Amino acid sequence: MNDEAHTDQPVLLDAAAIEGFWQAFAYDERNLALLPEQEFVSKANEILARYAPELALELEQADGSLFKRLVISAHGNTEQFENAMALVRAAPSLPGYKVQAFRTRTLGSDFSMGMDGFELACSDVLVAHYDAGGVVGLELSFEKIIPQDMLDHARHMSFIMLDHVLGEWDFAVRVGPVDFVEAFSQGVSGAEPLSVFPAIFDAFLRDEMGRSYRFPKGDDDRWTVFEVRQRDAQEDAPADLLSLRTSANALATRADLAHYLEVVMPVGNQNELDAAKQVQESLQSLWEPMEQGVLAFSRLNGEGELVSGYYIENPHSAVPQVHAAAQQYAESLDVEVSAMFDPSWQEFCALYAATAPRPEGDAA
């Protein structure tokens, strides 16, 4: 058994940097709390910049609560999302504060902003939407006439407003292409003001794209099997057999299942295939009841390998668990494991968009 695994991901903050920030913040917190909010944020970000210069700290008032939210933002840069999440996971107990990753939605989405003497309101921006292969594609247009010399400003401001209206995770992860148009394309839906778009966006994800974010169970758990041939494969080459868990689409882009983990096991005969399937099933039994991971697809390829694709919560604990299962059920197999940060579920959505049946009226 090959006991080496690798992860393909951006450079992460080390434990010393994360611990150093929280120690420094906790040490200064009493003094920071005496400052006006804007100065609090400025001073806190000076501390954060020493340890995680690509991240930012913001302060939000938790609605109807006595505590305030300390928000660790990555400015929408998904390459830094893991670092923001790691910083939040390591946060100490801070009385009066709740620490979270990513900016939340702005309450009351009908607001205006100004830049260089130009003002734009959410109601001035029209938004249409469509399914862009597992993420939401957007087309934007302006309700009011924009002077030509202000057009770039208006478009830049629209992106900022989208981020505030949808929240950092939704805009960075669940939104795909964004195009500015003079006339909306055929096949898009909506063309409604940005001020009312959040409810439309949520309903589209839930009702049209099937994103309930609930684990599939019982009769709701569905699989589809396909034969897949590579375009450049020879005519006599064996086809891959793909088992796609179409019901896993309900979980796609869930924030706590943002890592794609792939397990590859050679299966040259029936005994090896049975052993590999035991490994696969044991990992399902380990992760799925606790909602720590889900098997999204399984592929028996023409090279005699069983490829299992999971979306998991924590690759650092999951990789050793894969090897422990392989040691128990398939000791003779050379098991390869790789993991990467894939918050948009691109590995799954590419298969789902290409192969999943979409019967009329079936949102999942």
Protein backbone atom coordinates (compact mmCIF):
# COMPACT_ATOMS: atom_id res chain seq x y z
CA MET A 1 0.00 0.00 0.00
CA ASN A 2 1.32 3.40 -0.97
CA ASP A 3 1.03 5.38 2.26
CA GLU A 4 1.84 8.75 0.72
CA ALA A 5 -0.84 11.35 0.06
CA HIS A 6 -0.57 14.87 -1.22
CA THR A 7 -2.74 17.95 -1.16
CA ASP A 8 -2.92 20.44 -4.00
CA GLN A 9 -3.85 23.76 -2.46
CA PRO A 10 -2.64 27.35 -1.97
CA VAL A 11 0.00 28.03 0.67
CA LEU A 12 -1.70 27.93 4.05
CA LEU A 13 -0.98 29.89 7.18
CA ASP A 14 1.11 27.88 9.58
CA ALA A 15 0.00 27.18 13.11
CA ALA A 16 2.53 29.64 14.55
CA ALA A 17 1.10 32.53 12.52
CA ILE A 18 -2.47 31.68 13.49
CA GLU A 19 -1.61 31.32 17.18
CA GLY A 20 0.50 34.48 17.06
CA PHE A 21 -2.37 36.57 15.73
CA TRP A 22 -4.88 35.41 18.30
CA GLN A 23 -2.44 35.88 21.15
CA ALA A 24 -1.66 39.41 19.99
CA PHE A 25 -5.33 40.24 19.45
CA ALA A 26 -6.40 38.85 22.84
CA TYR A 27 -3.61 40.79 24.54
CA ASP A 28 -4.79 44.10 23.01
CA GLU A 29 -8.53 43.39 23.01
CA ARG A 30 -9.38 45.40 26.14
CA ASN A 31 -7.71 48.48 24.74
CA LEU A 32 -9.26 47.91 21.30
CA ALA A 33 -12.73 47.65 22.83
CA LEU A 34 -12.45 51.22 24.15
CA LEU A 35 -11.93 52.62 20.65
CA PRO A 36 -14.59 53.84 18.21
CA GLU A 37 -15.57 51.09 15.79
CA GLN A 38 -13.64 52.44 12.81
CA GLU A 39 -10.45 52.82 14.84
CA PHE A 40 -10.98 49.36 16.39
CA VAL A 41 -11.07 47.83 12.91
CA SER A 42 -8.01 49.81 11.77
CA LYS A 43 -5.89 48.79 14.78
CA ALA A 44 -7.05 45.17 14.63
CA ASN A 45 -6.09 44.98 10.97
CA GLU A 46 -2.63 46.30 11.77
CA ILE A 47 -2.22 43.29 14.05
CA LEU A 48 -3.66 40.88 11.48
CA ALA A 49 -1.38 42.22 8.72
CA ARG A 50 1.67 41.04 10.66
CA TYR A 51 0.50 37.43 10.45
CA ALA A 52 -1.96 37.17 7.51
CA PRO A 53 -1.53 40.15 5.18
CA GLU A 54 -3.99 38.80 2.58
CA LEU A 55 -6.88 38.74 5.07
CA ALA A 56 -8.90 41.48 6.72
CA LEU A 57 -10.86 41.83 9.93
CA GLU A 58 -14.25 43.54 10.00
CA LEU A 59 -16.71 44.22 12.79
CA GLU A 60 -20.43 43.55 12.43
CA GLN A 61 -23.17 44.08 14.96
CA ALA A 62 -25.06 40.83 15.47
CA ASP A 63 -28.70 41.69 14.97
CA GLY A 64 -30.71 41.51 18.20
CA SER A 65 -27.75 40.22 20.22
CA LEU A 66 -25.38 41.71 22.74
CA PHE A 67 -22.29 40.34 21.03
CA LYS A 68 -20.50 41.64 17.96
CA ARG A 69 -19.23 39.60 15.05
CA LEU A 70 -15.53 39.57 14.27
CA VAL A 71 -15.48 38.74 10.57
CA ILE A 72 -12.35 37.37 8.92
CA SER A 73 -12.63 38.28 5.25
CA ALA A 74 -10.54 37.19 2.26
CA HIS A 75 -11.86 40.07 0.12
CA GLY A 76 -13.60 37.48 -2.05
CA ASN A 77 -10.29 35.84 -3.04
CA THR A 78 -11.07 32.12 -2.94
CA GLU A 79 -7.35 31.29 -2.81
CA GLN A 80 -7.34 32.75 0.70
CA PHE A 81 -10.62 31.19 1.86
CA GLU A 82 -8.87 28.27 3.54
CA ASN A 83 -6.74 30.66 5.54
CA ALA A 84 -9.78 32.62 6.68
CA MET A 85 -11.49 29.40 7.75
CA ALA A 86 -8.38 28.14 9.55
CA LEU A 87 -8.06 31.41 11.45
CA VAL A 88 -11.68 31.19 12.58
CA ARG A 89 -11.37 27.54 13.64
CA ALA A 90 -8.47 28.47 15.93
CA ALA A 91 -10.17 31.49 17.50
CA PRO A 92 -10.11 31.52 21.31
CA SER A 93 -13.15 32.31 23.41
CA LEU A 94 -13.64 36.09 23.30
CA PRO A 95 -16.45 37.30 25.59
CA GLY A 96 -18.74 39.66 23.74
CA TYR A 97 -17.65 38.50 20.30
CA LYS A 98 -18.57 35.80 17.81
CA VAL A 99 -15.87 35.01 15.27
CA GLN A 100 -16.89 33.98 11.75
CA ALA A 101 -15.38 33.64 8.31
CA PHE A 102 -16.56 35.82 5.41
CA ARG A 103 -18.73 38.89 5.25
CA THR A 104 -22.44 38.32 5.67
CA ARG A 105 -25.13 39.92 3.57
CA THR A 106 -25.95 43.56 4.11
CA LEU A 107 -29.31 43.83 5.85
CA GLY A 108 -31.60 45.85 3.66
CA SER A 109 -30.27 45.45 0.15
CA ASP A 110 -31.69 48.71 -1.24
CA PHE A 111 -28.75 51.01 -0.55
CA SER A 112 -26.63 53.48 -2.49
CA MET A 113 -22.92 54.11 -2.71
CA GLY A 114 -20.82 56.89 -4.13
CA MET A 115 -17.42 56.90 -5.82
CA ASP A 116 -15.58 59.86 -7.31
CA GLY A 117 -18.70 61.99 -7.21
CA PHE A 118 -20.88 59.34 -8.89
CA GLU A 119 -23.75 57.68 -7.00
CA LEU A 120 -25.34 54.33 -7.78
CA ALA A 121 -28.21 52.59 -5.99
CA CYS A 122 -28.95 48.86 -5.94
CA SER A 123 -32.25 49.66 -7.62
CA ASP A 124 -30.25 51.12 -10.55
CA VAL A 125 -28.68 47.72 -11.33
CA LEU A 126 -30.76 45.04 -13.07
CA VAL A 127 -29.76 41.38 -12.62
CA ALA A 128 -30.68 38.33 -14.68
CA HIS A 129 -29.52 34.82 -13.80
CA TYR A 130 -29.04 31.33 -15.26
CA ASP A 131 -27.48 27.96 -14.44
CA ALA A 132 -23.84 28.17 -15.57
CA GLY A 133 -22.93 24.53 -15.05
CA GLY A 134 -23.43 24.24 -11.30
CA VAL A 135 -22.90 27.90 -10.39
CA VAL A 136 -25.15 30.89 -11.00
CA GLY A 137 -24.29 33.00 -14.03
CA LEU A 138 -25.33 36.64 -13.99
CA GLU A 139 -26.02 39.30 -16.58
CA LEU A 140 -26.10 42.91 -15.36
CA SER A 141 -27.51 46.02 -16.94
CA PHE A 142 -28.24 49.52 -15.71
CA GLU A 143 -31.72 50.88 -15.13
CA LYS A 144 -30.53 54.47 -15.52
CA ILE A 145 -28.34 56.11 -18.13
CA ILE A 146 -24.66 55.96 -17.13
CA PRO A 147 -22.31 58.61 -18.57
CA GLN A 148 -19.65 56.97 -20.74
CA ASP A 149 -16.82 58.30 -18.56
CA MET A 150 -18.46 56.76 -15.48
CA LEU A 151 -19.21 53.35 -17.00
CA ASP A 152 -16.14 51.60 -15.59
CA HIS A 153 -16.84 53.13 -12.17
CA ALA A 154 -20.45 51.96 -12.32
CA ARG A 155 -19.42 48.41 -13.20
CA HIS A 156 -16.82 48.33 -10.43
CA MET A 157 -19.38 49.65 -7.97
CA SER A 158 -21.86 46.98 -9.10
CA PHE A 159 -19.38 44.24 -8.17
CA ILE A 160 -18.90 45.77 -4.73
CA MET A 161 -22.67 46.00 -4.27
CA LEU A 162 -23.14 42.38 -5.37
CA ASP A 163 -20.63 41.29 -2.75
CA HIS A 164 -22.51 43.18 -0.04
CA VAL A 165 -25.96 42.06 -1.20
CA LEU A 166 -25.14 38.34 -1.57
CA GLY A 167 -22.38 37.96 1.03
CA GLU A 168 -18.79 36.93 0.45
CA TRP A 169 -19.25 33.15 0.19
CA ASP A 170 -22.25 33.26 -2.14
CA PHE A 171 -20.71 35.80 -4.47
CA ALA A 172 -17.24 34.23 -4.61
CA VAL A 173 -18.26 30.56 -4.66
CA ARG A 174 -21.83 30.19 -5.92
CA VAL A 175 -21.73 32.89 -8.58
CA GLY A 176 -19.87 32.09 -11.80
CA PRO A 177 -19.59 34.35 -14.85
CA VAL A 178 -20.80 37.93 -14.51
CA ASP A 179 -21.32 39.89 -17.72
CA PHE A 180 -22.51 43.43 -18.33
CA VAL A 181 -24.94 43.61 -21.27
CA GLU A 182 -27.00 46.21 -23.05
CA ALA A 183 -29.77 43.69 -23.73
CA PHE A 184 -30.35 40.49 -21.77
CA SER A 185 -29.76 37.17 -23.53
CA GLN A 186 -32.47 34.70 -24.32
CA GLY A 187 -32.70 31.94 -21.73
CA VAL A 188 -31.81 34.06 -18.69
CA SER A 189 -34.34 34.67 -15.94
CA GLY A 190 -35.14 37.67 -13.82
CA ALA A 191 -33.89 41.07 -14.97
CA GLU A 192 -34.92 42.40 -11.57
CA PRO A 193 -33.28 45.17 -9.50
CA LEU A 194 -30.30 44.13 -7.41
CA SER A 195 -32.20 45.40 -4.36
CA VAL A 196 -34.60 42.40 -4.58
CA PHE A 197 -32.12 39.87 -5.96
CA PRO A 198 -31.05 37.98 -2.78
CA ALA A 199 -34.43 36.24 -2.39
CA ILE A 200 -34.49 35.43 -6.13
CA PHE A 201 -30.93 34.04 -5.92
CA ASP A 202 -31.77 31.82 -2.94
CA ALA A 203 -34.95 30.52 -4.58
CA PHE A 204 -33.10 29.75 -7.82
CA LEU A 205 -30.43 27.76 -5.99
CA ARG A 206 -33.03 25.89 -3.95
CA ASP A 207 -35.87 25.31 -6.41
CA GLU A 208 -34.17 25.25 -9.82
CA MET A 209 -30.67 23.98 -9.02
CA GLY A 210 -31.77 21.66 -6.21
CA ARG A 211 -29.45 23.02 -3.51
CA SER A 212 -31.16 22.14 -0.23
CA TYR A 213 -27.75 21.55 1.44
CA ARG A 214 -29.24 18.51 3.19
CA PHE A 215 -27.56 15.12 3.05
CA PRO A 216 -29.35 12.63 0.78
CA LYS A 217 -31.09 9.87 2.68
CA GLY A 218 -33.42 6.99 1.91
CA ASP A 219 -35.50 7.42 -1.23
CA ASP A 220 -33.90 10.83 -1.83
CA ASP A 221 -30.50 9.22 -2.38
CA ARG A 222 -30.15 8.64 -6.13
CA TRP A 223 -27.36 7.32 -8.35
CA THR A 224 -27.02 7.14 -12.14
CA VAL A 225 -24.58 4.91 -14.02
CA PHE A 226 -22.98 5.88 -17.35
CA GLU A 227 -20.40 4.56 -19.74
CA VAL A 228 -17.87 7.28 -20.47
CA ARG A 229 -15.36 7.28 -23.32
CA GLN A 230 -12.51 9.75 -23.70
CA ARG A 231 -12.68 11.74 -26.94
CA ASP A 232 -9.15 10.76 -27.96
CA ALA A 233 -9.51 7.10 -26.93
CA GLN A 234 -9.11 4.31 -29.48
CA GLU A 235 -12.29 2.60 -30.65
CA ASP A 236 -11.44 -0.68 -28.95
CA ALA A 237 -10.43 0.97 -25.64
CA PRO A 238 -12.68 -0.04 -22.74
CA ALA A 239 -15.12 2.58 -21.53
CA ASP A 240 -15.06 4.01 -18.02
CA LEU A 241 -18.02 3.12 -15.85
CA LEU A 242 -19.16 6.21 -13.95
CA SER A 243 -21.52 5.97 -10.98
CA LEU A 244 -22.70 9.51 -10.32
CA ARG A 245 -24.53 10.35 -7.12
CA THR A 246 -26.99 12.81 -8.60
CA SER A 247 -28.50 13.47 -5.17
CA ALA A 248 -25.13 14.86 -4.00
CA ASN A 249 -26.02 17.95 -6.05
CA ALA A 250 -28.12 19.03 -3.07
CA LEU A 251 -24.87 19.54 -1.11
CA ALA A 252 -22.81 21.23 -3.81
CA THR A 253 -20.95 24.36 -2.59
CA ARG A 254 -21.80 23.67 1.07
CA ALA A 255 -19.20 25.66 3.01
CA ASP A 256 -18.24 22.85 5.39
CA LEU A 257 -17.62 20.39 2.52
CA ALA A 258 -15.24 22.51 0.47
CA HIS A 259 -12.43 19.99 -0.10
CA TYR A 260 -12.42 17.44 -2.90
CA LEU A 261 -10.68 14.20 -1.94
CA GLU A 262 -9.87 11.55 -4.52
CA VAL A 263 -8.98 7.95 -3.70
CA VAL A 264 -7.51 5.76 -6.46
CA MET A 265 -7.16 2.00 -5.99
CA PRO A 266 -6.00 -0.60 -8.58
CA VAL A 267 -8.57 -3.34 -9.17
CA GLY A 268 -7.08 -5.94 -11.48
CA ASN A 269 -9.46 -8.73 -10.44
CA GLN A 270 -12.76 -9.26 -8.64
CA ASN A 271 -11.15 -9.75 -5.24
CA GLU A 272 -9.35 -6.41 -5.51
CA LEU A 273 -12.54 -4.70 -6.69
CA ASP A 274 -14.46 -6.11 -3.71
CA ALA A 275 -11.73 -4.92 -1.33
CA ALA A 276 -11.69 -1.45 -2.89
CA LYS A 277 -15.46 -1.18 -2.57
CA GLN A 278 -15.18 -2.14 1.09
CA VAL A 279 -12.78 0.76 1.60
CA GLN A 280 -15.19 3.06 -0.22
CA GLU A 281 -18.17 1.94 1.84
CA SER A 282 -16.30 2.12 5.14
CA LEU A 283 -15.40 5.77 4.47
CA GLN A 284 -19.03 6.52 3.68
CA SER A 285 -20.06 4.93 6.96
CA LEU A 286 -17.40 6.92 8.80
CA TRP A 287 -18.10 10.37 7.35
CA GLU A 288 -21.68 10.58 6.16
CA PRO A 289 -23.59 9.95 9.43
CA MET A 290 -21.66 12.85 11.02
CA GLU A 291 -21.93 14.94 7.81
CA GLN A 292 -18.14 15.18 7.60
CA GLY A 293 -17.94 13.97 4.01
CA VAL A 294 -19.95 12.54 1.13
CA LEU A 295 -19.14 10.16 -1.71
CA ALA A 296 -20.10 12.15 -4.83
CA PHE A 297 -19.11 9.70 -7.57
CA SER A 298 -17.23 6.51 -8.27
CA ARG A 299 -15.46 5.70 -11.52
CA LEU A 300 -14.11 2.36 -12.70
CA ASN A 301 -11.72 3.41 -15.43
CA GLY A 302 -10.27 1.53 -18.37
CA GLU A 303 -6.88 1.33 -16.68
CA GLY A 304 -8.25 -0.99 -14.01
CA GLU A 305 -8.61 1.57 -11.22
CA LEU A 306 -11.49 2.46 -8.94
CA VAL A 307 -11.56 6.23 -8.48
CA SER A 308 -13.71 7.50 -5.60
CA GLY A 309 -14.51 11.22 -5.39
CA TYR A 310 -15.53 12.63 -2.00
CA TYR A 311 -16.27 16.10 -0.69
CA ILE A 312 -15.06 16.40 2.87
CA GLU A 313 -14.72 18.78 5.77
CA ASN A 314 -11.11 18.27 6.85
CA PRO A 315 -8.50 16.71 4.53
CA HIS A 316 -5.85 16.60 7.24
CA SER A 317 -7.87 14.13 9.30
CA ALA A 318 -9.50 12.42 6.30
CA VAL A 319 -6.31 11.32 4.53
CA PRO A 320 -5.05 9.19 7.47
CA GLN A 321 -8.56 7.73 7.77
CA VAL A 322 -8.42 6.63 4.12
CA HIS A 323 -5.16 4.80 4.71
CA ALA A 324 -6.47 3.22 7.89
CA ALA A 325 -9.46 1.87 5.97
CA ALA A 326 -7.19 0.63 3.17
CA GLN A 327 -4.95 -1.08 5.74
CA GLN A 328 -8.01 -2.84 7.17
CA TYR A 329 -9.78 -3.91 3.97
CA ALA A 330 -7.27 -3.70 1.11
CA GLU A 331 -3.78 -4.03 2.54
CA SER A 332 -2.33 -5.39 -0.70
CA LEU A 333 -3.48 -2.44 -2.84
CA ASP A 334 -1.41 0.64 -3.66
CA VAL A 335 -3.78 3.41 -2.62
CA GLU A 336 -3.25 6.96 -3.87
CA VAL A 337 -4.95 9.88 -2.15
CA SER A 338 -5.07 13.52 -3.22
CA ALA A 339 -7.03 16.48 -1.91
CA MET A 340 -7.67 20.02 -3.09
CA PHE A 341 -9.77 22.99 -2.06
CA ASP A 342 -12.77 23.02 -4.40
CA PRO A 343 -15.50 25.17 -2.78
CA SER A 344 -17.46 25.47 -6.06
CA TRP A 345 -17.51 21.66 -6.44
CA GLN A 346 -16.09 21.94 -9.94
CA GLU A 347 -15.05 18.27 -10.07
CA PHE A 348 -18.60 17.14 -9.35
CA CYS A 349 -20.50 19.85 -11.22
CA ALA A 350 -18.61 19.16 -14.46
CA LEU A 351 -19.88 15.57 -14.37
CA TYR A 352 -23.34 16.51 -13.17
CA ALA A 353 -23.88 19.19 -15.81
CA ALA A 354 -22.68 16.89 -18.58
CA THR A 355 -24.47 13.68 -17.63
CA ALA A 356 -27.18 14.15 -15.02
CA PRO A 357 -30.70 13.80 -16.38
CA ARG A 358 -32.94 16.82 -15.86
CA PRO A 359 -36.54 15.59 -16.09
CA GLU A 360 -39.05 18.40 -16.25
CA GLY A 361 -40.11 19.34 -12.74
CA ASP A 362 -37.17 17.57 -11.09
CA ALA A 363 -35.09 20.25 -9.33
CA ALA A 364 -32.51 17.83 -7.94
